[in-house]
Amino acid sequence: MNIEVTSHNIKFLECFASDTRIKIIELLNIKPMNIKELAEALGISSAIVTKHIQKLEEALIVTTESVPSTRGRQKICHLTLESATLQFRVKEKKDQNRYAVSIPIGQYSSYEVKPTCGLSSDTKIIGMVDDPRYFSDPEHVKACHLWFGSGYIEYRIPNYLVGKQSVRSISISLEICSEAPHYNENWPSDLSFYLNDSCLGVWTCPGDFGAVRGVYTPAWWELGTQHGLLKQITVDSEGSYIDGIRMSDRTVEDLAIGYGEDIRFRICAPETATHSGGLSMFGKQFGNYDQDIQVYVAY
């Protein structure tokens, strides 16, 4: 996630002006905790903790869920933001034109996958686990979670530009991680990202996360992997980036985006990679972020 250091993002920046909020982030980095547990660990009242949690929720750093307890319900707090990059030098926005699309992870246009693999909606596993044929099942469009040991998955981003309009940048946000049998939090995977067959770069995911249940992962899910990391891939006139860190010199001009042609977005987990650790993806109603693949095209 890129955060511009401007007054527009003051709620996010204010979160780090408090020792207490920093300590809450440190505690939640270890494990999810309820309000009472945080209050006891910090030596302050539950009411004060609640106010700090509200600020962290507004900044999308922490999420909470209400769950049953022996005395009614309790609020469980989760640290959901993995990383953020502060942008001090903000480019002048000469043109604010852009459009956004949200692509469900099950609405891929092509694939080639090898086990371990599978798909799940928010209510059930689709087809049979470890059988790639079910990636062609008509119900694949309902997938909220999918995974494979090696291969690729490809999506089509609609191109709404007309006349002499040209793409200035493309930004894609999605929740992903590695894919290990059951799960393994120390399971690196080299993931490659492509737009129109142009490789934007490679990012190594550190693991397949299953030790802590995903905030939105359905209660019935028992197959191990719980959530991923929210990553933002951007390509503009200067290069390609992941969470603001440069991946390559590939620019938007290199993508050869034609008028009226869809933009193809592919994610690969090559079998020949140094770290061949597969791919898991999460959409709405699964993982830690209640979103599908979010795409922003500036022009």
Protein backbone atom coordinates (compact mmCIF):
# COMPACT_ATOMS: atom_id res chain seq x y z
CA MET A 1 0.00 0.00 0.00
CA ASN A 2 1.35 3.45 -0.98
CA ILE A 3 0.50 6.31 1.37
CA GLU A 4 1.09 9.87 0.19
CA VAL A 5 2.26 12.17 3.00
CA THR A 6 -0.54 14.69 2.57
CA SER A 7 -3.38 16.04 4.67
CA HIS A 8 -5.70 13.69 2.79
CA ASN A 9 -4.12 10.75 4.66
CA ILE A 10 -3.93 12.44 8.05
CA LYS A 11 -6.02 9.72 9.78
CA PHE A 12 -3.45 7.11 8.76
CA LEU A 13 -0.44 9.24 9.71
CA GLU A 14 -1.93 10.20 13.10
CA CYS A 15 -1.97 6.53 14.10
CA PHE A 16 1.80 6.64 14.60
CA ALA A 17 1.76 9.72 16.83
CA SER A 18 0.70 7.61 19.82
CA ASP A 19 2.92 5.29 21.87
CA THR A 20 -0.18 3.32 22.87
CA ARG A 21 -1.24 2.69 19.26
CA ILE A 22 2.28 1.59 18.38
CA LYS A 23 2.22 -0.87 21.30
CA ILE A 24 -1.19 -2.17 20.17
CA ILE A 25 0.26 -2.85 16.71
CA GLU A 26 3.20 -4.68 18.32
CA LEU A 27 0.84 -6.84 20.40
CA LEU A 28 -1.44 -7.66 17.47
CA ASN A 29 1.60 -8.58 15.40
CA ILE A 30 2.08 -11.50 17.81
CA LYS A 31 -1.56 -12.68 17.79
CA PRO A 32 -5.16 -11.38 17.59
CA MET A 33 -6.40 -10.12 20.97
CA ASN A 34 -9.68 -8.89 22.41
CA ILE A 35 -10.16 -5.46 23.99
CA LYS A 36 -9.84 -6.76 27.55
CA GLU A 37 -6.58 -8.59 26.79
CA LEU A 38 -5.11 -5.46 25.19
CA ALA A 39 -6.17 -3.33 28.16
CA GLU A 40 -4.52 -5.73 30.64
CA ALA A 41 -1.32 -5.92 28.58
CA LEU A 42 -1.11 -2.12 28.32
CA GLY A 43 -2.27 -1.34 31.88
CA ILE A 44 -5.04 1.02 30.73
CA SER A 45 -8.84 0.89 30.65
CA SER A 46 -10.85 -0.96 28.04
CA ALA A 47 -12.58 2.30 27.10
CA ILE A 48 -9.26 3.92 26.16
CA VAL A 49 -8.19 0.84 24.18
CA THR A 50 -11.50 0.95 22.29
CA LYS A 51 -10.87 4.56 21.22
CA HIS A 52 -7.37 3.68 19.94
CA ILE A 53 -8.72 0.64 18.09
CA GLN A 54 -11.33 2.83 16.40
CA LYS A 55 -8.58 5.08 15.03
CA LEU A 56 -6.58 2.09 13.79
CA GLU A 57 -9.73 0.71 12.13
CA GLU A 58 -10.40 4.01 10.36
CA ALA A 59 -6.86 3.86 8.96
CA LEU A 60 -7.45 0.24 7.77
CA ILE A 61 -4.51 -0.96 9.88
CA VAL A 62 -6.64 -3.09 12.19
CA THR A 63 -9.95 -4.90 11.69
CA THR A 64 -12.25 -6.25 14.40
CA GLU A 65 -14.87 -8.98 14.56
CA SER A 66 -17.54 -9.61 17.16
CA VAL A 67 -17.59 -13.23 18.35
CA PRO A 68 -19.56 -15.08 21.05
CA SER A 69 -18.01 -15.40 24.51
CA THR A 70 -19.05 -16.79 27.88
CA ARG A 71 -20.52 -13.39 28.80
CA GLY A 72 -22.21 -12.23 25.64
CA ARG A 73 -19.89 -11.13 22.81
CA GLN A 74 -16.33 -9.90 22.60
CA LYS A 75 -14.48 -7.85 20.00
CA ILE A 76 -11.41 -9.59 18.54
CA CYS A 77 -8.81 -7.27 17.00
CA HIS A 78 -6.62 -8.35 14.06
CA LEU A 79 -3.60 -6.61 12.53
CA THR A 80 -4.43 -6.73 8.81
CA LEU A 81 -2.09 -4.25 7.12
CA GLU A 82 1.15 -6.04 6.21
CA SER A 83 3.19 -3.06 4.99
CA ALA A 84 2.89 0.54 3.79
CA THR A 85 5.21 2.78 1.80
CA LEU A 86 5.22 6.51 2.59
CA GLN A 87 5.50 8.79 -0.43
CA PHE A 88 7.02 12.13 0.53
CA ARG A 89 7.50 13.40 -3.01
CA VAL A 90 4.05 13.36 -4.56
CA LYS A 91 3.86 13.85 -8.31
CA GLU A 92 1.60 16.63 -9.49
CA LYS A 93 -1.58 15.13 -10.86
CA LYS A 94 -2.01 16.84 -14.22
CA ASP A 95 -4.93 14.62 -15.14
CA GLN A 96 -7.33 13.03 -12.69
CA ASN A 97 -9.04 10.82 -15.28
CA ARG A 98 -9.19 7.18 -14.28
CA TYR A 99 -11.57 4.29 -14.01
CA ALA A 100 -11.75 1.39 -11.58
CA VAL A 101 -12.90 -2.20 -11.97
CA SER A 102 -13.27 -5.02 -9.46
CA ILE A 103 -12.60 -8.50 -10.87
CA PRO A 104 -13.76 -11.52 -8.83
CA ILE A 105 -10.88 -13.99 -8.55
CA GLY A 106 -13.04 -16.72 -10.05
CA GLN A 107 -13.59 -14.79 -13.28
CA TYR A 108 -10.28 -15.70 -14.89
CA SER A 109 -10.05 -16.00 -18.67
CA SER A 110 -7.40 -18.74 -18.90
CA TYR A 111 -5.29 -20.95 -16.68
CA GLU A 112 -2.77 -23.76 -16.55
CA VAL A 113 -2.32 -25.27 -13.09
CA LYS A 114 -0.84 -28.30 -11.36
CA PRO A 115 -1.65 -29.78 -7.92
CA THR A 116 -1.91 -29.05 -5.15
CA CYS A 117 -4.87 -27.08 -6.50
CA GLY A 118 -8.50 -26.25 -5.93
CA LEU A 119 -11.23 -23.64 -5.72
CA SER A 120 -13.72 -22.66 -3.04
CA SER A 121 -16.73 -20.38 -2.90
CA ASP A 122 -17.79 -18.84 0.42
CA THR A 123 -20.01 -21.87 1.09
CA LYS A 124 -18.27 -24.93 -0.36
CA ILE A 125 -15.32 -26.41 -2.23
CA ILE A 126 -15.95 -26.34 -5.97
CA GLY A 127 -15.52 -29.78 -7.52
CA MET A 128 -12.66 -31.96 -6.25
CA VAL A 129 -9.40 -30.86 -4.65
CA ASP A 130 -6.16 -31.47 -6.61
CA ASP A 131 -7.98 -32.02 -9.92
CA PRO A 132 -7.09 -29.18 -12.36
CA ARG A 133 -10.11 -30.04 -14.55
CA TYR A 134 -12.41 -28.31 -12.08
CA PHE A 135 -10.82 -24.95 -12.92
CA SER A 136 -13.08 -25.26 -16.02
CA ASP A 137 -16.18 -26.05 -13.99
CA PRO A 138 -18.88 -23.41 -14.71
CA GLU A 139 -19.01 -22.68 -10.99
CA HIS A 140 -15.42 -21.40 -11.05
CA VAL A 141 -16.85 -17.86 -11.43
CA LYS A 142 -18.11 -18.14 -7.82
CA ALA A 143 -14.62 -18.82 -6.40
CA CYS A 144 -13.58 -16.67 -3.43
CA HIS A 145 -10.36 -18.63 -2.88
CA LEU A 146 -8.17 -20.57 -5.31
CA TRP A 147 -4.77 -22.21 -5.12
CA PHE A 148 -2.27 -24.18 -7.21
CA GLY A 149 1.21 -25.65 -6.80
CA SER A 150 2.55 -24.28 -10.09
CA GLY A 151 1.25 -22.72 -13.28
CA TYR A 152 -0.58 -19.47 -14.04
CA ILE A 153 -3.93 -17.74 -13.89
CA GLU A 154 -4.93 -14.92 -16.27
CA TYR A 155 -7.57 -12.18 -16.12
CA ARG A 156 -8.85 -9.68 -18.65
CA ILE A 157 -9.01 -6.03 -17.61
CA PRO A 158 -11.55 -4.08 -19.69
CA ASN A 159 -10.14 -1.20 -21.77
CA TYR A 160 -12.61 1.71 -21.75
CA LEU A 161 -10.36 4.28 -23.46
CA VAL A 162 -11.63 6.10 -26.53
CA GLY A 163 -10.16 8.32 -29.22
CA LYS A 164 -6.66 9.57 -28.48
CA GLN A 165 -6.75 8.67 -24.79
CA SER A 166 -3.74 6.63 -23.62
CA VAL A 167 -2.99 4.75 -20.41
CA ARG A 168 -0.79 6.67 -17.95
CA SER A 169 -0.64 4.01 -15.23
CA ILE A 170 -2.23 0.76 -14.09
CA SER A 171 -2.48 -0.21 -10.43
CA ILE A 172 -3.66 -3.65 -9.28
CA SER A 173 -4.42 -4.61 -5.67
CA LEU A 174 -4.93 -8.24 -4.61
CA GLU A 175 -4.51 -10.63 -1.66
CA ILE A 176 -2.09 -13.50 -2.36
CA CYS A 177 0.38 -15.89 -0.74
CA SER A 178 2.26 -19.13 -1.42
CA GLU A 179 0.67 -22.59 -1.61
CA ALA A 180 1.98 -25.42 0.56
CA PRO A 181 0.22 -28.70 1.40
CA HIS A 182 -2.00 -27.81 4.37
CA TYR A 183 0.06 -24.66 5.15
CA ASN A 184 3.63 -23.62 5.91
CA GLU A 185 4.40 -20.04 6.95
CA ASN A 186 8.03 -20.49 5.86
CA TRP A 187 7.35 -21.49 2.25
CA PRO A 188 8.81 -18.95 -0.21
CA SER A 189 7.33 -18.68 -3.68
CA ASP A 190 8.62 -16.65 -6.65
CA LEU A 191 5.57 -15.06 -8.26
CA SER A 192 5.80 -13.31 -11.64
CA PHE A 193 3.37 -10.63 -12.82
CA TYR A 194 2.57 -9.94 -16.48
CA LEU A 195 0.52 -7.38 -18.37
CA ASN A 196 -0.02 -8.14 -22.07
CA ASP A 197 2.76 -10.77 -21.96
CA SER A 198 5.26 -8.18 -20.63
CA CYS A 199 6.86 -9.31 -17.35
CA LEU A 200 6.62 -6.53 -14.77
CA GLY A 201 8.85 -8.39 -12.31
CA VAL A 202 9.07 -11.10 -9.68
CA TRP A 203 8.15 -10.96 -6.00
CA THR A 204 9.01 -13.68 -3.49
CA CYS A 205 6.17 -14.38 -1.09
CA PRO A 206 7.53 -15.55 2.28
CA GLY A 207 4.94 -18.22 3.04
CA ASP A 208 1.50 -19.81 3.08
CA PHE A 209 -0.38 -18.41 6.07
CA GLY A 210 -2.57 -20.65 8.20
CA ALA A 211 -1.59 -20.19 11.84
CA VAL A 212 -4.22 -17.46 12.38
CA ARG A 213 -7.72 -17.66 10.92
CA GLY A 214 -8.45 -15.07 8.23
CA VAL A 215 -10.73 -12.25 9.30
CA TYR A 216 -13.25 -13.07 6.55
CA THR A 217 -12.44 -16.76 6.06
CA PRO A 218 -15.64 -18.83 6.55
CA ALA A 219 -15.90 -20.78 9.80
CA TRP A 220 -16.37 -24.08 7.93
CA TRP A 221 -13.01 -23.80 6.09
CA GLU A 222 -10.55 -26.38 7.47
CA LEU A 223 -7.94 -26.89 4.71
CA GLY A 224 -5.12 -24.88 6.26
CA THR A 225 -4.46 -21.67 4.32
CA GLN A 226 -6.32 -18.77 5.94
CA HIS A 227 -5.20 -15.51 4.38
CA GLY A 228 -2.61 -13.80 2.21
CA LEU A 229 -0.80 -10.47 1.97
CA LEU A 230 -2.36 -7.44 0.30
CA LYS A 231 -0.03 -6.41 -2.53
CA GLN A 232 -0.26 -3.47 -4.91
CA ILE A 233 1.36 -3.75 -8.34
CA THR A 234 1.80 -0.54 -10.33
CA VAL A 235 3.21 0.21 -13.76
CA ASP A 236 3.59 3.78 -15.02
CA SER A 237 5.83 5.81 -17.33
CA GLU A 238 8.87 5.27 -15.09
CA GLY A 239 8.77 1.55 -14.27
CA SER A 240 6.99 -1.27 -12.47
CA TYR A 241 6.58 -1.46 -8.69
CA ILE A 242 5.18 -3.66 -5.95
CA ASP A 243 4.11 -1.75 -2.82
CA GLY A 244 6.19 1.17 -4.11
CA ILE A 245 9.38 -0.91 -4.45
CA ARG A 246 10.80 -1.03 -7.97
CA MET A 247 10.58 -4.44 -9.67
CA SER A 248 11.75 -3.57 -13.17
CA ASP A 249 12.18 -0.84 -15.81
CA ARG A 250 9.09 -2.07 -17.68
CA THR A 251 6.88 0.96 -18.37
CA VAL A 252 3.27 1.37 -19.42
CA GLU A 253 4.49 2.29 -22.90
CA ASP A 254 6.01 -1.21 -23.20
CA LEU A 255 2.61 -2.88 -22.80
CA ALA A 256 1.38 -2.12 -26.35
CA ILE A 257 -2.19 -1.45 -25.18
CA GLY A 258 -4.35 -1.23 -28.30
CA TYR A 259 -7.63 0.61 -28.76
CA GLY A 260 -10.58 -1.60 -27.83
CA GLU A 261 -8.36 -4.47 -26.68
CA ASP A 262 -8.60 -5.97 -23.21
CA ILE A 263 -5.52 -5.72 -20.99
CA ARG A 264 -4.36 -9.20 -19.97
CA PHE A 265 -3.11 -9.66 -16.41
CA ARG A 266 -1.32 -12.92 -15.62
CA ILE A 267 0.16 -14.23 -12.35
CA CYS A 268 2.65 -17.10 -12.67
CA ALA A 269 4.10 -19.53 -10.14
CA PRO A 270 6.68 -21.24 -12.38
CA GLU A 271 7.62 -24.84 -11.69
CA THR A 272 11.21 -23.91 -12.67
CA ALA A 273 11.52 -20.95 -10.27
CA THR A 274 14.22 -20.91 -7.60
CA HIS A 275 11.42 -20.92 -5.04
CA SER A 276 8.63 -22.95 -6.64
CA GLY A 277 6.06 -22.46 -3.89
CA GLY A 278 2.79 -22.07 -5.76
CA LEU A 279 0.06 -19.45 -5.42
CA SER A 280 -3.02 -18.88 -3.27
CA MET A 281 -5.48 -16.05 -3.99
CA PHE A 282 -8.30 -14.58 -1.95
CA GLY A 283 -11.35 -12.56 -2.93
CA LYS A 284 -14.37 -11.21 -1.10
CA GLN A 285 -15.56 -13.26 1.89
CA PHE A 286 -12.17 -14.95 2.28
CA GLY A 287 -8.82 -14.00 3.82
CA ASN A 288 -8.03 -10.74 5.62
CA TYR A 289 -9.31 -8.23 3.06
CA ASP A 290 -12.91 -8.17 1.87
CA GLN A 291 -12.08 -7.32 -1.73
CA ASP A 292 -11.65 -8.86 -5.15
CA ILE A 293 -8.87 -7.88 -7.59
CA GLN A 294 -9.04 -4.08 -7.64
CA VAL A 295 -7.75 -2.38 -10.80
CA TYR A 296 -7.26 1.36 -11.38
CA VAL A 297 -6.41 2.64 -14.84
CA ALA A 298 -5.31 6.29 -15.13
CA TYR A 299 -5.36 7.97 -18.53
